[in-house]
Amino acid sequence: MTSTDTEKPFRLLNLPLLAFNRVIQNMSIQDILKFALSSKRTKTLVRLGNHKLESFKVELRYFSSPEFKLARSDKDVCCVTVWRNH
């Protein structure tokens, strides 16, 4: 590609729902969470998809922040810690 050629952006949100779901299924859990939190529209689109978790674990400890552990059937795991402001 030369400098005179122009690249068009890839319009992920304009994909048909089936194709969009295939893209989401190939993302890591952490990337799906970040993507879903980026806007109301992406949150809705991710919710519409069929993204099943194999397990969901919440750990609450007395002197630390809560932690959520998400796992998918392909063994992708994501841990999310909720930080508290004192």
PDB file of N, CA and C in Angstrom:
ATOM      1  N   MET A   1       0.846  -1.177   0.000  1.00  0.00           N
ATOM      2  CA  MET A   1       0.000   0.000   0.000  1.00  0.00           C
ATOM      3  C   MET A   1       0.888   1.236   0.000  1.00  0.00           C
ATOM      4  N   THR A   2       0.585   2.179  -0.831  1.00  0.00           N
ATOM      5  CA  THR A   2       1.385   3.397  -0.906  1.00  0.00           C
ATOM      6  C   THR A   2       0.769   4.476  -0.038  1.00  0.00           C
ATOM      7  N   SER A   3       1.504   5.548   0.115  1.00  0.00           N
ATOM      8  CA  SER A   3       1.013   6.629   0.973  1.00  0.00           C
ATOM      9  C   SER A   3      -0.189   7.346   0.375  1.00  0.00           C
ATOM     10  N   THR A   4      -0.434   7.172  -0.938  1.00  0.00           N
ATOM     11  CA  THR A   4      -1.595   7.825  -1.549  1.00  0.00           C
ATOM     12  C   THR A   4      -2.877   7.031  -1.352  1.00  0.00           C
ATOM     13  N   ASP A   5      -2.738   5.739  -1.022  1.00  0.00           N
ATOM     14  CA  ASP A   5      -3.920   4.927  -0.757  1.00  0.00           C
ATOM     15  C   ASP A   5      -4.505   5.309   0.603  1.00  0.00           C
ATOM     16  N   THR A   6      -5.814   5.229   0.691  1.00  0.00           N
ATOM     17  CA  THR A   6      -6.451   5.510   1.981  1.00  0.00           C
ATOM     18  C   THR A   6      -7.050   4.224   2.525  1.00  0.00           C
ATOM     19  N   GLU A   7      -6.922   4.066   3.802  1.00  0.00           N
ATOM     20  CA  GLU A   7      -7.494   2.900   4.476  1.00  0.00           C
ATOM     21  C   GLU A   7      -8.820   3.294   5.099  1.00  0.00           C
ATOM     22  N   LYS A   8      -9.802   2.430   4.925  1.00  0.00           N
ATOM     23  CA  LYS A   8     -11.092   2.665   5.552  1.00  0.00           C
ATOM     24  C   LYS A   8     -11.124   1.925   6.882  1.00  0.00           C
ATOM     25  N   PRO A   9     -11.720   2.530   7.907  1.00  0.00           N
ATOM     26  CA  PRO A   9     -11.804   1.834   9.204  1.00  0.00           C
ATOM     27  C   PRO A   9     -12.734   0.635   9.106  1.00  0.00           C
ATOM     28  N   PHE A  10     -12.437  -0.380   9.919  1.00  0.00           N
ATOM     29  CA  PHE A  10     -13.294  -1.557   9.990  1.00  0.00           C
ATOM     30  C   PHE A  10     -14.462  -1.245  10.907  1.00  0.00           C
ATOM     31  N   ARG A  11     -15.655  -1.319  10.402  1.00  0.00           N
ATOM     32  CA  ARG A  11     -16.862  -0.952  11.151  1.00  0.00           C
ATOM     33  C   ARG A  11     -17.431  -2.177  11.875  1.00  0.00           C
ATOM     34  N   LEU A  12     -16.837  -2.488  13.018  1.00  0.00           N
ATOM     35  CA  LEU A  12     -17.236  -3.660  13.794  1.00  0.00           C
ATOM     36  C   LEU A  12     -18.705  -3.613  14.195  1.00  0.00           C
ATOM     37  N   LEU A  13     -19.171  -2.460  14.608  1.00  0.00           N
ATOM     38  CA  LEU A  13     -20.545  -2.341  15.094  1.00  0.00           C
ATOM     39  C   LEU A  13     -21.577  -2.384  13.977  1.00  0.00           C
ATOM     40  N   ASN A  14     -21.143  -2.322  12.727  1.00  0.00           N
ATOM     41  CA  ASN A  14     -22.069  -2.401  11.596  1.00  0.00           C
ATOM     42  C   ASN A  14     -22.180  -3.809  11.025  1.00  0.00           C
ATOM     43  N   LEU A  15     -21.471  -4.764  11.608  1.00  0.00           N
ATOM     44  CA  LEU A  15     -21.564  -6.143  11.141  1.00  0.00           C
ATOM     45  C   LEU A  15     -22.940  -6.725  11.460  1.00  0.00           C
ATOM     46  N   PRO A  16     -23.409  -7.686  10.663  1.00  0.00           N
ATOM     47  CA  PRO A  16     -24.633  -8.406  11.047  1.00  0.00           C
ATOM     48  C   PRO A  16     -24.407  -9.108  12.390  1.00  0.00           C
ATOM     49  N   LEU A  17     -25.466  -9.326  13.142  1.00  0.00           N
ATOM     50  CA  LEU A  17     -25.340  -9.865  14.499  1.00  0.00           C
ATOM     51  C   LEU A  17     -24.610 -11.203  14.538  1.00  0.00           C
ATOM     52  N   LEU A  18     -24.871 -12.068  13.580  1.00  0.00           N
ATOM     53  CA  LEU A  18     -24.205 -13.372  13.556  1.00  0.00           C
ATOM     54  C   LEU A  18     -22.687 -13.222  13.398  1.00  0.00           C
ATOM     55  N   ALA A  19     -22.270 -12.360  12.484  1.00  0.00           N
ATOM     56  CA  ALA A  19     -20.835 -12.117  12.280  1.00  0.00           C
ATOM     57  C   ALA A  19     -20.227 -11.427  13.495  1.00  0.00           C
ATOM     58  N   PHE A  20     -20.958 -10.475  14.078  1.00  0.00           N
ATOM     59  CA  PHE A  20     -20.487  -9.780  15.268  1.00  0.00           C
ATOM     60  C   PHE A  20     -20.277 -10.766  16.416  1.00  0.00           C
ATOM     61  N   ASN A  21     -21.233 -11.693  16.599  1.00  0.00           N
ATOM     62  CA  ASN A  21     -21.098 -12.691  17.663  1.00  0.00           C
ATOM     63  C   ASN A  21     -19.879 -13.573  17.450  1.00  0.00           C
ATOM     64  N   ARG A  22     -19.569 -13.898  16.203  1.00  0.00           N
ATOM     65  CA  ARG A  22     -18.386 -14.703  15.917  1.00  0.00           C
ATOM     66  C   ARG A  22     -17.107 -13.962  16.311  1.00  0.00           C
ATOM     67  N   VAL A  23     -17.079 -12.664  16.066  1.00  0.00           N
ATOM     68  CA  VAL A  23     -15.927 -11.850  16.468  1.00  0.00           C
ATOM     69  C   VAL A  23     -15.803 -11.854  17.992  1.00  0.00           C
ATOM     70  N   ILE A  24     -16.912 -11.653  18.695  1.00  0.00           N
ATOM     71  CA  ILE A  24     -16.903 -11.626  20.162  1.00  0.00           C
ATOM     72  C   ILE A  24     -16.467 -12.973  20.732  1.00  0.00           C
ATOM     73  N   GLN A  25     -16.903 -14.065  20.126  1.00  0.00           N
ATOM     74  CA  GLN A  25     -16.531 -15.396  20.615  1.00  0.00           C
ATOM     75  C   GLN A  25     -15.024 -15.635  20.524  1.00  0.00           C
ATOM     76  N   ASN A  26     -14.359 -14.923  19.636  1.00  0.00           N
ATOM     77  CA  ASN A  26     -12.913 -15.080  19.488  1.00  0.00           C
ATOM     78  C   ASN A  26     -12.118 -14.122  20.366  1.00  0.00           C
ATOM     79  N   MET A  27     -12.808 -13.302  21.137  1.00  0.00           N
ATOM     80  CA  MET A  27     -12.141 -12.389  22.070  1.00  0.00           C
ATOM     81  C   MET A  27     -11.938 -13.081  23.413  1.00  0.00           C
ATOM     82  N   SER A  28     -10.966 -12.613  24.158  1.00  0.00           N
ATOM     83  CA  SER A  28     -10.789 -13.112  25.525  1.00  0.00           C
ATOM     84  C   SER A  28     -11.882 -12.519  26.405  1.00  0.00           C
ATOM     85  N   ILE A  29     -12.123 -13.144  27.542  1.00  0.00           N
ATOM     86  CA  ILE A  29     -13.146 -12.635  28.467  1.00  0.00           C
ATOM     87  C   ILE A  29     -12.829 -11.203  28.879  1.00  0.00           C
ATOM     88  N   GLN A  30     -11.572 -10.943  29.141  1.00  0.00           N
ATOM     89  CA  GLN A  30     -11.160  -9.600  29.558  1.00  0.00           C
ATOM     90  C   GLN A  30     -11.447  -8.573  28.461  1.00  0.00           C
ATOM     91  N   ASP A  31     -11.181  -8.922  27.212  1.00  0.00           N
ATOM     92  CA  ASP A  31     -11.463  -8.005  26.109  1.00  0.00           C
ATOM     93  C   ASP A  31     -12.966  -7.792  25.922  1.00  0.00           C
ATOM     94  N   ILE A  32     -13.758  -8.845  26.125  1.00  0.00           N
ATOM     95  CA  ILE A  32     -15.213  -8.713  26.029  1.00  0.00           C
ATOM     96  C   ILE A  32     -15.725  -7.761  27.108  1.00  0.00           C
ATOM     97  N   LEU A  33     -15.214  -7.889  28.331  1.00  0.00           N
ATOM     98  CA  LEU A  33     -15.626  -6.995  29.421  1.00  0.00           C
ATOM     99  C   LEU A  33     -15.271  -5.543  29.103  1.00  0.00           C
ATOM    100  N   LYS A  34     -14.053  -5.318  28.639  1.00  0.00           N
ATOM    101  CA  LYS A  34     -13.627  -3.954  28.296  1.00  0.00           C
ATOM    102  C   LYS A  34     -14.491  -3.390  27.176  1.00  0.00           C
ATOM    103  N   PHE A  35     -14.756  -4.217  26.166  1.00  0.00           N
ATOM    104  CA  PHE A  35     -15.570  -3.791  25.036  1.00  0.00           C
ATOM    105  C   PHE A  35     -16.988  -3.460  25.483  1.00  0.00           C
ATOM    106  N   ALA A  36     -17.583  -4.314  26.310  1.00  0.00           N
ATOM    107  CA  ALA A  36     -18.951  -4.096  26.778  1.00  0.00           C
ATOM    108  C   ALA A  36     -19.063  -2.838  27.635  1.00  0.00           C
ATOM    109  N   LEU A  37     -18.019  -2.497  28.342  1.00  0.00           N
ATOM    110  CA  LEU A  37     -18.044  -1.317  29.208  1.00  0.00           C
ATOM    111  C   LEU A  37     -17.732  -0.023  28.467  1.00  0.00           C
ATOM    112  N   SER A  38     -17.397  -0.106  27.181  1.00  0.00           N
ATOM    113  CA  SER A  38     -16.984   1.095  26.455  1.00  0.00           C
ATOM    114  C   SER A  38     -18.163   1.993  26.050  1.00  0.00           C
ATOM    115  N   SER A  39     -19.368   1.449  25.909  1.00  0.00           N
ATOM    116  CA  SER A  39     -20.535   2.281  25.587  1.00  0.00           C
ATOM    117  C   SER A  39     -21.825   1.497  25.850  1.00  0.00           C
ATOM    118  N   LYS A  40     -22.940   2.207  25.841  1.00  0.00           N
ATOM    119  CA  LYS A  40     -24.232   1.545  26.025  1.00  0.00           C
ATOM    120  C   LYS A  40     -24.529   0.604  24.860  1.00  0.00           C
ATOM    121  N   ARG A  41     -24.156   1.034  23.653  1.00  0.00           N
ATOM    122  CA  ARG A  41     -24.431   0.213  22.470  1.00  0.00           C
ATOM    123  C   ARG A  41     -23.648  -1.094  22.501  1.00  0.00           C
ATOM    124  N   THR A  42     -22.356  -1.024  22.856  1.00  0.00           N
ATOM    125  CA  THR A  42     -21.558  -2.252  22.902  1.00  0.00           C
ATOM    126  C   THR A  42     -22.036  -3.164  24.024  1.00  0.00           C
ATOM    127  N   LYS A  43     -22.462  -2.581  25.129  1.00  0.00           N
ATOM    128  CA  LYS A  43     -23.006  -3.383  26.233  1.00  0.00           C
ATOM    129  C   LYS A  43     -24.227  -4.161  25.768  1.00  0.00           C
ATOM    130  N   THR A  44     -25.112  -3.497  25.045  1.00  0.00           N
ATOM    131  CA  THR A  44     -26.324  -4.149  24.532  1.00  0.00           C
ATOM    132  C   THR A  44     -25.967  -5.239  23.530  1.00  0.00           C
ATOM    133  N   LEU A  45     -25.049  -4.961  22.621  1.00  0.00           N
ATOM    134  CA  LEU A  45     -24.662  -5.952  21.614  1.00  0.00           C
ATOM    135  C   LEU A  45     -24.033  -7.192  22.246  1.00  0.00           C
ATOM    136  N   VAL A  46     -23.201  -6.985  23.254  1.00  0.00           N
ATOM    137  CA  VAL A  46     -22.579  -8.131  23.927  1.00  0.00           C
ATOM    138  C   VAL A  46     -23.640  -8.933  24.669  1.00  0.00           C
ATOM    139  N   ARG A  47     -24.604  -8.271  25.269  1.00  0.00           N
ATOM    140  CA  ARG A  47     -25.690  -8.971  25.970  1.00  0.00           C
ATOM    141  C   ARG A  47     -26.559  -9.794  25.019  1.00  0.00           C
ATOM    142  N   LEU A  48     -26.738  -9.314  23.793  1.00  0.00           N
ATOM    143  CA  LEU A  48     -27.554 -10.025  22.817  1.00  0.00           C
ATOM    144  C   LEU A  48     -26.905 -11.333  22.360  1.00  0.00           C
ATOM    145  N   GLY A  49     -25.593 -11.393  22.476  1.00  0.00           N
ATOM    146  CA  GLY A  49     -24.874 -12.583  22.031  1.00  0.00           C
ATOM    147  C   GLY A  49     -25.036 -13.742  22.991  1.00  0.00           C
ATOM    148  N   ASN A  50     -24.637 -14.893  22.531  1.00  0.00           N
ATOM    149  CA  ASN A  50     -24.724 -16.108  23.337  1.00  0.00           C
ATOM    150  C   ASN A  50     -23.327 -16.435  23.850  1.00  0.00           C
ATOM    151  N   HIS A  51     -22.904 -15.761  24.906  1.00  0.00           N
ATOM    152  CA  HIS A  51     -21.554 -15.910  25.447  1.00  0.00           C
ATOM    153  C   HIS A  51     -21.648 -16.587  26.802  1.00  0.00           C
ATOM    154  N   LYS A  52     -21.569 -17.892  26.792  1.00  0.00           N
ATOM    155  CA  LYS A  52     -21.761 -18.654  28.023  1.00  0.00           C
ATOM    156  C   LYS A  52     -20.448 -18.825  28.780  1.00  0.00           C
ATOM    157  N   LEU A  53     -20.549 -18.664  30.086  1.00  0.00           N
ATOM    158  CA  LEU A  53     -19.414 -18.901  30.969  1.00  0.00           C
ATOM    159  C   LEU A  53     -19.532 -20.293  31.558  1.00  0.00           C
ATOM    160  N   GLU A  54     -18.396 -20.950  31.709  1.00  0.00           N
ATOM    161  CA  GLU A  54     -18.396 -22.270  32.334  1.00  0.00           C
ATOM    162  C   GLU A  54     -18.541 -22.143  33.836  1.00  0.00           C
ATOM    163  N   SER A  55     -17.916 -21.120  34.384  1.00  0.00           N
ATOM    164  CA  SER A  55     -18.038 -20.919  35.828  1.00  0.00           C
ATOM    165  C   SER A  55     -17.955 -19.437  36.156  1.00  0.00           C
ATOM    166  N   PHE A  56     -18.494 -19.102  37.297  1.00  0.00           N
ATOM    167  CA  PHE A  56     -18.507 -17.735  37.787  1.00  0.00           C
ATOM    168  C   PHE A  56     -18.282 -17.828  39.284  1.00  0.00           C
ATOM    169  N   LYS A  57     -17.234 -17.217  39.761  1.00  0.00           N
ATOM    170  CA  LYS A  57     -16.881 -17.323  41.165  1.00  0.00           C
ATOM    171  C   LYS A  57     -16.656 -15.927  41.731  1.00  0.00           C
ATOM    172  N   VAL A  58     -17.226 -15.672  42.901  1.00  0.00           N
ATOM    173  CA  VAL A  58     -17.025 -14.403  43.594  1.00  0.00           C
ATOM    174  C   VAL A  58     -16.356 -14.704  44.920  1.00  0.00           C
ATOM    175  N   GLU A  59     -15.244 -14.052  45.170  1.00  0.00           N
ATOM    176  CA  GLU A  59     -14.551 -14.230  46.446  1.00  0.00           C
ATOM    177  C   GLU A  59     -14.660 -12.938  47.240  1.00  0.00           C
ATOM    178  N   LEU A  60     -15.149 -13.044  48.446  1.00  0.00           N
ATOM    179  CA  LEU A  60     -15.245 -11.897  49.342  1.00  0.00           C
ATOM    180  C   LEU A  60     -14.388 -12.185  50.568  1.00  0.00           C
ATOM    181  N   ARG A  61     -13.453 -11.319  50.816  1.00  0.00           N
ATOM    182  CA  ARG A  61     -12.589 -11.468  51.987  1.00  0.00           C
ATOM    183  C   ARG A  61     -12.798 -10.269  52.899  1.00  0.00           C
ATOM    184  N   TYR A  62     -12.596 -10.472  54.150  1.00  0.00           N
ATOM    185  CA  TYR A  62     -12.904  -9.440  55.135  1.00  0.00           C
ATOM    186  C   TYR A  62     -12.102  -8.152  54.931  1.00  0.00           C
ATOM    187  N   PHE A  63     -10.793  -8.264  54.711  1.00  0.00           N
ATOM    188  CA  PHE A  63      -9.954  -7.068  54.626  1.00  0.00           C
ATOM    189  C   PHE A  63      -9.465  -6.765  53.214  1.00  0.00           C
ATOM    190  N   SER A  64     -10.120  -7.281  52.202  1.00  0.00           N
ATOM    191  CA  SER A  64      -9.673  -6.969  50.843  1.00  0.00           C
ATOM    192  C   SER A  64     -10.874  -6.707  49.942  1.00  0.00           C
ATOM    193  N   SER A  65     -10.589  -6.301  48.739  1.00  0.00           N
ATOM    194  CA  SER A  65     -11.642  -5.995  47.773  1.00  0.00           C
ATOM    195  C   SER A  65     -12.243  -7.274  47.202  1.00  0.00           C
ATOM    196  N   PRO A  66     -13.517  -7.237  46.826  1.00  0.00           N
ATOM    197  CA  PRO A  66     -14.136  -8.413  46.209  1.00  0.00           C
ATOM    198  C   PRO A  66     -13.460  -8.748  44.877  1.00  0.00           C
ATOM    199  N   GLU A  67     -13.421 -10.028  44.557  1.00  0.00           N
ATOM    200  CA  GLU A  67     -12.819 -10.463  43.303  1.00  0.00           C
ATOM    201  C   GLU A  67     -13.777 -11.392  42.578  1.00  0.00           C
ATOM    202  N   PHE A  68     -13.960 -11.168  41.291  1.00  0.00           N
ATOM    203  CA  PHE A  68     -14.795 -12.004  40.443  1.00  0.00           C
ATOM    204  C   PHE A  68     -13.882 -12.810  39.540  1.00  0.00           C
ATOM    205  N   LYS A  69     -14.127 -14.107  39.444  1.00  0.00           N
ATOM    206  CA  LYS A  69     -13.347 -14.954  38.561  1.00  0.00           C
ATOM    207  C   LYS A  69     -14.292 -15.566  37.534  1.00  0.00           C
ATOM    208  N   LEU A  70     -14.046 -15.304  36.259  1.00  0.00           N
ATOM    209  CA  LEU A  70     -14.876 -15.783  35.172  1.00  0.00           C
ATOM    210  C   LEU A  70     -14.088 -16.788  34.352  1.00  0.00           C
ATOM    211  N   ALA A  71     -14.715 -17.906  33.990  1.00  0.00           N
ATOM    212  CA  ALA A  71     -14.042 -18.924  33.176  1.00  0.00           C
ATOM    213  C   ALA A  71     -14.968 -19.351  32.052  1.00  0.00           C
ATOM    214  N   ARG A  72     -14.369 -19.649  30.912  1.00  0.00           N
ATOM    215  CA  ARG A  72     -15.114 -20.079  29.737  1.00  0.00           C
ATOM    216  C   ARG A  72     -14.698 -21.497  29.388  1.00  0.00           C
ATOM    217  N   SER A  73     -15.499 -22.186  28.590  1.00  0.00           N
ATOM    218  CA  SER A  73     -15.233 -23.585  28.267  1.00  0.00           C
ATOM    219  C   SER A  73     -13.899 -23.796  27.561  1.00  0.00           C
ATOM    220  N   ASP A  74     -13.373 -22.766  26.892  1.00  0.00           N
ATOM    221  CA  ASP A  74     -12.075 -22.900  26.235  1.00  0.00           C
ATOM    222  C   ASP A  74     -10.914 -22.609  27.193  1.00  0.00           C
ATOM    223  N   LYS A  75     -11.223 -22.586  28.479  1.00  0.00           N
ATOM    224  CA  LYS A  75     -10.249 -22.390  29.560  1.00  0.00           C
ATOM    225  C   LYS A  75      -9.715 -20.966  29.655  1.00  0.00           C
ATOM    226  N   ASP A  76     -10.346 -20.016  28.967  1.00  0.00           N
ATOM    227  CA  ASP A  76      -9.995 -18.612  29.122  1.00  0.00           C
ATOM    228  C   ASP A  76     -10.520 -18.163  30.479  1.00  0.00           C
ATOM    229  N   VAL A  77      -9.673 -17.549  31.287  1.00  0.00           N
ATOM    230  CA  VAL A  77     -10.045 -17.129  32.640  1.00  0.00           C
ATOM    231  C   VAL A  77      -9.721 -15.652  32.804  1.00  0.00           C
ATOM    232  N   CYS A  78     -10.593 -14.948  33.505  1.00  0.00           N
ATOM    233  CA  CYS A  78     -10.381 -13.531  33.776  1.00  0.00           C
ATOM    234  C   CYS A  78     -10.720 -13.260  35.234  1.00  0.00           C
ATOM    235  N   CYS A  79      -9.839 -12.576  35.929  1.00  0.00           N
ATOM    236  CA  CYS A  79     -10.108 -12.173  37.311  1.00  0.00           C
ATOM    237  C   CYS A  79     -10.278 -10.656  37.343  1.00  0.00           C
ATOM    238  N   VAL A  80     -11.349 -10.209  37.980  1.00  0.00           N
ATOM    239  CA  VAL A  80     -11.641  -8.780  38.082  1.00  0.00           C
ATOM    240  C   VAL A  80     -11.734  -8.437  39.559  1.00  0.00           C
ATOM    241  N   THR A  81     -10.953  -7.478  39.985  1.00  0.00           N
ATOM    242  CA  THR A  81     -10.988  -7.032  41.376  1.00  0.00           C
ATOM    243  C   THR A  81     -11.704  -5.702  41.438  1.00  0.00           C
ATOM    244  N   VAL A  82     -12.642  -5.576  42.359  1.00  0.00           N
ATOM    245  CA  VAL A  82     -13.388  -4.336  42.538  1.00  0.00           C
ATOM    246  C   VAL A  82     -12.710  -3.562  43.648  1.00  0.00           C
ATOM    247  N   TRP A  83     -12.173  -2.421  43.305  1.00  0.00           N
ATOM    248  CA  TRP A  83     -11.465  -1.613  44.295  1.00  0.00           C
ATOM    249  C   TRP A  83     -12.418  -0.661  44.970  1.00  0.00           C
ATOM    250  N   ARG A  84     -12.251  -0.529  46.288  1.00  0.00           N
ATOM    251  CA  ARG A  84     -13.091   0.356  47.066  1.00  0.00           C
ATOM    252  C   ARG A  84     -12.306   1.623  47.404  1.00  0.00           C
ATOM    253  N   ASN A  85     -12.998   2.750  47.369  1.00  0.00           N
ATOM    254  CA  ASN A  85     -12.396   4.002  47.812  1.00  0.00           C
ATOM    255  C   ASN A  85     -12.768   4.220  49.275  1.00  0.00           C
ATOM    256  N   HIS A  86     -11.799   4.530  50.074  1.00  0.00           N
ATOM    257  CA  HIS A  86     -12.059   4.755  51.511  1.00  0.00           C
ATOM    258  C   HIS A  86     -12.118   6.215  51.800  1.00  0.00           C
TER     259      HIS A  86
END
